[in-house]
Amino acid sequence: MLIPSTAQKILDKDKIELKLDRMAYQALELTFDDDELIVLGIEPGGGLALAKTIMQKIQQTDATKRIQFSSIYINKPEPLKEAVIIKDEIDFNGKTILIIDDVGNTGRTLFYALQPLTKFQPKKIIIAILVDRMHKTFPIKADIVGFPIATTFNNHIIVQFENNNAEGAYLF
């Protein structure tokens, strides 16, 4: 998505890096007793790149934790038009799952992203969002939020990526 010239930069690269560091530490705190962790990034969009970054930060801090990585593909504009799929075959039973997305708005994407996990009995599901707009219309609340912001329904937020690295978050 093209960022309008009137957009306000709410997070720069350095601030995003600090937020991602904190999010990784929070994920470690919430999974302290777990030897295994499954990290899922939501795609399309920035969730996949953020999930890879947070996973790497977790691995750098706790090299003993076994981490599996995959992604959840969802047709965000029309989630019922095609199946929501997890890219890799993973047994989620008894495991802790960390789902990561770039921007949280109504909770709709995360609501539908949970659908393929209903076939399993995970130990715990943790949701992490870099920027949370707090306009929940679905019963989904992020456990880890990098940057909460109150906006109007007419505002939009986009996280811009360059070479799979978050370069800035913009409000317009």
C-alpha atoms as a PDB file:
ATOM      1  CA  MET A   1       0.000   0.000   0.000  1.00  0.00           C
ATOM      2  CA  LEU A   2       1.270   3.436  -0.904  1.00  0.00           C
ATOM      3  CA  ILE A   3       1.726   5.739   2.081  1.00  0.00           C
ATOM      4  CA  PRO A   4       0.102   9.160   1.531  1.00  0.00           C
ATOM      5  CA  SER A   5       2.292  12.241   1.902  1.00  0.00           C
ATOM      6  CA  THR A   6      -0.036  13.418   4.693  1.00  0.00           C
ATOM      7  CA  ALA A   7       0.684  10.311   6.797  1.00  0.00           C
ATOM      8  CA  GLN A   8       2.129  10.794  10.265  1.00  0.00           C
ATOM      9  CA  LYS A   9       5.068   8.560  11.207  1.00  0.00           C
ATOM     10  CA  ILE A  10       4.179   7.109  14.596  1.00  0.00           C
ATOM     11  CA  LEU A  11       7.118   4.687  14.878  1.00  0.00           C
ATOM     12  CA  ASP A  12      10.513   4.896  13.239  1.00  0.00           C
ATOM     13  CA  LYS A  13      12.921   2.007  12.652  1.00  0.00           C
ATOM     14  CA  ASP A  14      14.710   2.441  15.998  1.00  0.00           C
ATOM     15  CA  LYS A  15      11.475   2.592  18.004  1.00  0.00           C
ATOM     16  CA  ILE A  16      10.146  -0.471  16.209  1.00  0.00           C
ATOM     17  CA  GLU A  17      13.348  -2.330  17.068  1.00  0.00           C
ATOM     18  CA  LEU A  18      12.893  -1.436  20.753  1.00  0.00           C
ATOM     19  CA  LYS A  19       9.254  -2.550  20.627  1.00  0.00           C
ATOM     20  CA  LEU A  20      10.237  -5.862  19.021  1.00  0.00           C
ATOM     21  CA  ASP A  21      12.918  -6.426  21.689  1.00  0.00           C
ATOM     22  CA  ARG A  22      10.329  -5.863  24.418  1.00  0.00           C
ATOM     23  CA  MET A  23       7.796  -8.079  22.653  1.00  0.00           C
ATOM     24  CA  ALA A  24      10.353 -10.900  22.449  1.00  0.00           C
ATOM     25  CA  TYR A  25      11.091 -10.585  26.173  1.00  0.00           C
ATOM     26  CA  GLN A  26       7.383 -10.610  26.967  1.00  0.00           C
ATOM     27  CA  ALA A  27       6.989 -13.748  24.854  1.00  0.00           C
ATOM     28  CA  LEU A  28       9.829 -15.338  26.828  1.00  0.00           C
ATOM     29  CA  GLU A  29       8.167 -14.383  30.103  1.00  0.00           C
ATOM     30  CA  LEU A  30       4.844 -15.863  28.983  1.00  0.00           C
ATOM     31  CA  THR A  31       6.552 -19.077  27.833  1.00  0.00           C
ATOM     32  CA  PHE A  32       9.078 -19.387  30.653  1.00  0.00           C
ATOM     33  CA  ASP A  33       8.021 -22.939  31.592  1.00  0.00           C
ATOM     34  CA  ASP A  34       7.733 -24.133  27.994  1.00  0.00           C
ATOM     35  CA  ASP A  35      10.596 -26.003  26.337  1.00  0.00           C
ATOM     36  CA  GLU A  36       8.894 -25.711  22.958  1.00  0.00           C
ATOM     37  CA  LEU A  37       7.280 -22.794  21.173  1.00  0.00           C
ATOM     38  CA  ILE A  38       5.565 -22.574  17.814  1.00  0.00           C
ATOM     39  CA  VAL A  39       5.753 -19.123  16.191  1.00  0.00           C
ATOM     40  CA  LEU A  40       3.210 -18.302  13.483  1.00  0.00           C
ATOM     41  CA  GLY A  41       3.311 -15.125  11.408  1.00  0.00           C
ATOM     42  CA  ILE A  42       0.173 -13.960   9.640  1.00  0.00           C
ATOM     43  CA  GLU A  43       0.433 -13.397   5.918  1.00  0.00           C
ATOM     44  CA  PRO A  44      -0.017 -11.558   3.666  1.00  0.00           C
ATOM     45  CA  GLY A  45       1.272  -8.429   5.296  1.00  0.00           C
ATOM     46  CA  GLY A  46       3.972  -7.731   7.812  1.00  0.00           C
ATOM     47  CA  GLY A  47       3.104 -10.405  10.353  1.00  0.00           C
ATOM     48  CA  LEU A  48       5.419 -12.941   8.761  1.00  0.00           C
ATOM     49  CA  ALA A  49       8.479 -10.653   8.767  1.00  0.00           C
ATOM     50  CA  LEU A  50       7.805  -9.533  12.341  1.00  0.00           C
ATOM     51  CA  ALA A  51       7.384 -13.139  13.458  1.00  0.00           C
ATOM     52  CA  LYS A  52      10.782 -14.054  11.993  1.00  0.00           C
ATOM     53  CA  THR A  53      12.412 -11.112  13.770  1.00  0.00           C
ATOM     54  CA  ILE A  54      10.780 -11.861  17.127  1.00  0.00           C
ATOM     55  CA  MET A  55      11.653 -15.561  16.781  1.00  0.00           C
ATOM     56  CA  GLN A  56      15.316 -14.663  16.184  1.00  0.00           C
ATOM     57  CA  LYS A  57      15.322 -12.390  19.230  1.00  0.00           C
ATOM     58  CA  ILE A  58      13.833 -15.167  21.363  1.00  0.00           C
ATOM     59  CA  GLN A  59      16.471 -17.623  20.107  1.00  0.00           C
ATOM     60  CA  GLN A  60      19.278 -15.161  20.889  1.00  0.00           C
ATOM     61  CA  THR A  61      18.036 -14.819  24.463  1.00  0.00           C
ATOM     62  CA  ASP A  62      17.093 -18.452  25.143  1.00  0.00           C
ATOM     63  CA  ALA A  63      19.005 -20.876  22.959  1.00  0.00           C
ATOM     64  CA  THR A  64      17.554 -23.870  24.841  1.00  0.00           C
ATOM     65  CA  LYS A  65      13.968 -23.249  23.719  1.00  0.00           C
ATOM     66  CA  ARG A  66      13.003 -25.388  20.729  1.00  0.00           C
ATOM     67  CA  ILE A  67      11.153 -23.179  18.260  1.00  0.00           C
ATOM     68  CA  GLN A  68       9.169 -24.213  15.217  1.00  0.00           C
ATOM     69  CA  PHE A  69       8.218 -21.546  12.694  1.00  0.00           C
ATOM     70  CA  SER A  70       5.453 -21.333  10.132  1.00  0.00           C
ATOM     71  CA  SER A  71       2.833 -18.943   8.820  1.00  0.00           C
ATOM     72  CA  ILE A  72      -0.909 -18.634   8.635  1.00  0.00           C
ATOM     73  CA  TYR A  73      -2.276 -17.538   5.280  1.00  0.00           C
ATOM     74  CA  ILE A  74      -5.600 -15.711   5.350  1.00  0.00           C
ATOM     75  CA  ASN A  75      -7.516 -13.794   2.721  1.00  0.00           C
ATOM     76  CA  LYS A  76      -7.850 -10.695   4.920  1.00  0.00           C
ATOM     77  CA  PRO A  77     -10.475  -8.796   2.884  1.00  0.00           C
ATOM     78  CA  GLU A  78     -12.682 -11.893   2.477  1.00  0.00           C
ATOM     79  CA  PRO A  79     -11.680 -14.559   5.011  1.00  0.00           C
ATOM     80  CA  LEU A  80     -14.532 -16.911   4.069  1.00  0.00           C
ATOM     81  CA  LYS A  81     -13.707 -16.971   0.328  1.00  0.00           C
ATOM     82  CA  GLU A  82     -10.835 -19.423   0.766  1.00  0.00           C
ATOM     83  CA  ALA A  83      -9.483 -21.688   3.465  1.00  0.00           C
ATOM     84  CA  VAL A  84      -7.258 -20.268   6.165  1.00  0.00           C
ATOM     85  CA  ILE A  85      -4.162 -22.442   6.045  1.00  0.00           C
ATOM     86  CA  ILE A  86      -1.054 -23.061   8.084  1.00  0.00           C
ATOM     87  CA  LYS A  87       1.833 -23.410   5.632  1.00  0.00           C
ATOM     88  CA  ASP A  88       3.522 -26.371   7.331  1.00  0.00           C
ATOM     89  CA  GLU A  89       2.179 -29.536   8.919  1.00  0.00           C
ATOM     90  CA  ILE A  90       2.761 -29.134  12.625  1.00  0.00           C
ATOM     91  CA  ASP A  91       1.309 -30.980  15.593  1.00  0.00           C
ATOM     92  CA  PHE A  92      -0.007 -28.207  17.855  1.00  0.00           C
ATOM     93  CA  ASN A  93      -1.355 -30.553  20.536  1.00  0.00           C
ATOM     94  CA  GLY A  94       0.010 -29.669  23.951  1.00  0.00           C
ATOM     95  CA  LYS A  95       2.207 -26.900  22.509  1.00  0.00           C
ATOM     96  CA  THR A  96       2.394 -23.177  23.153  1.00  0.00           C
ATOM     97  CA  ILE A  97       1.696 -21.072  20.068  1.00  0.00           C
ATOM     98  CA  LEU A  98       2.723 -17.465  19.477  1.00  0.00           C
ATOM     99  CA  ILE A  99       0.737 -15.760  16.686  1.00  0.00           C
ATOM    100  CA  ILE A 100       2.176 -12.472  15.386  1.00  0.00           C
ATOM    101  CA  ASP A 101       0.692  -9.745  13.181  1.00  0.00           C
ATOM    102  CA  ASP A 102       1.747  -6.202  12.365  1.00  0.00           C
ATOM    103  CA  VAL A 103      -1.453  -4.202  12.963  1.00  0.00           C
ATOM    104  CA  GLY A 104      -4.468  -5.119  15.068  1.00  0.00           C
ATOM    105  CA  ASN A 105      -7.724  -3.390  14.327  1.00  0.00           C
ATOM    106  CA  THR A 106     -11.086  -5.112  14.814  1.00  0.00           C
ATOM    107  CA  GLY A 107      -9.700  -8.546  15.696  1.00  0.00           C
ATOM    108  CA  ARG A 108     -11.287 -10.087  12.591  1.00  0.00           C
ATOM    109  CA  THR A 109      -8.034 -11.331  11.026  1.00  0.00           C
ATOM    110  CA  LEU A 110      -6.942 -12.979  14.268  1.00  0.00           C
ATOM    111  CA  PHE A 111     -10.409 -14.440  14.815  1.00  0.00           C
ATOM    112  CA  TYR A 112     -10.274 -16.239  11.471  1.00  0.00           C
ATOM    113  CA  ALA A 113      -6.570 -17.055  11.840  1.00  0.00           C
ATOM    114  CA  LEU A 114      -7.436 -19.183  14.869  1.00  0.00           C
ATOM    115  CA  GLN A 115      -9.771 -21.389  12.798  1.00  0.00           C
ATOM    116  CA  PRO A 116      -7.209 -24.021  11.687  1.00  0.00           C
ATOM    117  CA  LEU A 117      -5.995 -24.358  15.287  1.00  0.00           C
ATOM    118  CA  THR A 118      -9.431 -25.575  16.426  1.00  0.00           C
ATOM    119  CA  LYS A 119      -8.478 -29.042  15.137  1.00  0.00           C
ATOM    120  CA  PHE A 120      -5.886 -29.300  17.909  1.00  0.00           C
ATOM    121  CA  GLN A 121      -5.652 -28.918  21.671  1.00  0.00           C
ATOM    122  CA  PRO A 122      -2.767 -26.505  22.196  1.00  0.00           C
ATOM    123  CA  LYS A 123      -1.434 -25.810  25.659  1.00  0.00           C
ATOM    124  CA  LYS A 124      -1.652 -22.054  25.198  1.00  0.00           C
ATOM    125  CA  ILE A 125      -2.105 -19.478  22.429  1.00  0.00           C
ATOM    126  CA  ILE A 126      -0.420 -16.083  22.764  1.00  0.00           C
ATOM    127  CA  ILE A 127      -1.196 -13.229  20.392  1.00  0.00           C
ATOM    128  CA  ALA A 128       1.337 -10.465  19.696  1.00  0.00           C
ATOM    129  CA  ILE A 129       0.640  -7.306  17.698  1.00  0.00           C
ATOM    130  CA  LEU A 130       3.132  -4.539  16.886  1.00  0.00           C
ATOM    131  CA  VAL A 131       0.530  -1.739  16.598  1.00  0.00           C
ATOM    132  CA  ASP A 132      -2.894  -2.238  18.192  1.00  0.00           C
ATOM    133  CA  ARG A 133      -5.664   0.186  17.206  1.00  0.00           C
ATOM    134  CA  MET A 134      -8.008  -1.127  19.909  1.00  0.00           C
ATOM    135  CA  HIS A 135     -11.200  -1.119  17.757  1.00  0.00           C
ATOM    136  CA  LYS A 136     -12.238  -4.631  18.692  1.00  0.00           C
ATOM    137  CA  THR A 137     -15.470  -5.915  17.198  1.00  0.00           C
ATOM    138  CA  PHE A 138     -14.407  -9.556  17.529  1.00  0.00           C
ATOM    139  CA  PRO A 139     -13.580 -11.147  20.905  1.00  0.00           C
ATOM    140  CA  ILE A 140      -9.826 -11.142  20.377  1.00  0.00           C
ATOM    141  CA  LYS A 141      -7.346  -9.353  22.621  1.00  0.00           C
ATOM    142  CA  ALA A 142      -3.604  -9.326  22.092  1.00  0.00           C
ATOM    143  CA  ASP A 143      -1.483 -10.593  24.977  1.00  0.00           C
ATOM    144  CA  ILE A 144       1.567  -8.659  23.785  1.00  0.00           C
ATOM    145  CA  VAL A 145       1.219  -5.193  22.253  1.00  0.00           C
ATOM    146  CA  GLY A 146       4.188  -3.210  21.020  1.00  0.00           C
ATOM    147  CA  PHE A 147       2.377   0.102  20.578  1.00  0.00           C
ATOM    148  CA  PRO A 148      -1.276   0.711  21.482  1.00  0.00           C
ATOM    149  CA  ILE A 149      -2.885   3.714  19.804  1.00  0.00           C
ATOM    150  CA  ALA A 150      -6.402   5.113  19.877  1.00  0.00           C
ATOM    151  CA  THR A 151      -7.549   6.143  16.415  1.00  0.00           C
ATOM    152  CA  THR A 152     -10.797   6.905  14.676  1.00  0.00           C
ATOM    153  CA  PHE A 153     -12.462   4.342  12.446  1.00  0.00           C
ATOM    154  CA  ASN A 154     -11.509   6.493   9.441  1.00  0.00           C
ATOM    155  CA  ASN A 155      -7.790   6.339  10.215  1.00  0.00           C
ATOM    156  CA  HIS A 156      -5.493   3.728   8.749  1.00  0.00           C
ATOM    157  CA  ILE A 157      -2.180   2.379   9.998  1.00  0.00           C
ATOM    158  CA  ILE A 158       0.420   0.686   7.870  1.00  0.00           C
ATOM    159  CA  VAL A 159       3.783  -0.748   8.835  1.00  0.00           C
ATOM    160  CA  GLN A 160       6.258  -0.247   6.009  1.00  0.00           C
ATOM    161  CA  PHE A 161       8.865  -2.921   5.341  1.00  0.00           C
ATOM    162  CA  GLU A 162      12.106  -2.830   3.416  1.00  0.00           C
ATOM    163  CA  ASN A 163      13.974  -6.116   2.871  1.00  0.00           C
ATOM    164  CA  ASN A 164      11.677  -7.769   5.456  1.00  0.00           C
ATOM    165  CA  ASN A 165      12.634  -5.221   8.129  1.00  0.00           C
ATOM    166  CA  ALA A 166      10.057  -2.855   9.596  1.00  0.00           C
ATOM    167  CA  GLU A 167      11.144   0.663   8.659  1.00  0.00           C
ATOM    168  CA  GLY A 168       8.252   2.694  10.031  1.00  0.00           C
ATOM    169  CA  ALA A 169       4.613   2.738  11.107  1.00  0.00           C
ATOM    170  CA  TYR A 170       2.347   5.405   9.642  1.00  0.00           C
ATOM    171  CA  LEU A 171      -1.038   6.798  10.614  1.00  0.00           C
ATOM    172  CA  PHE A 172      -3.207   8.424   7.948  1.00  0.00           C
END
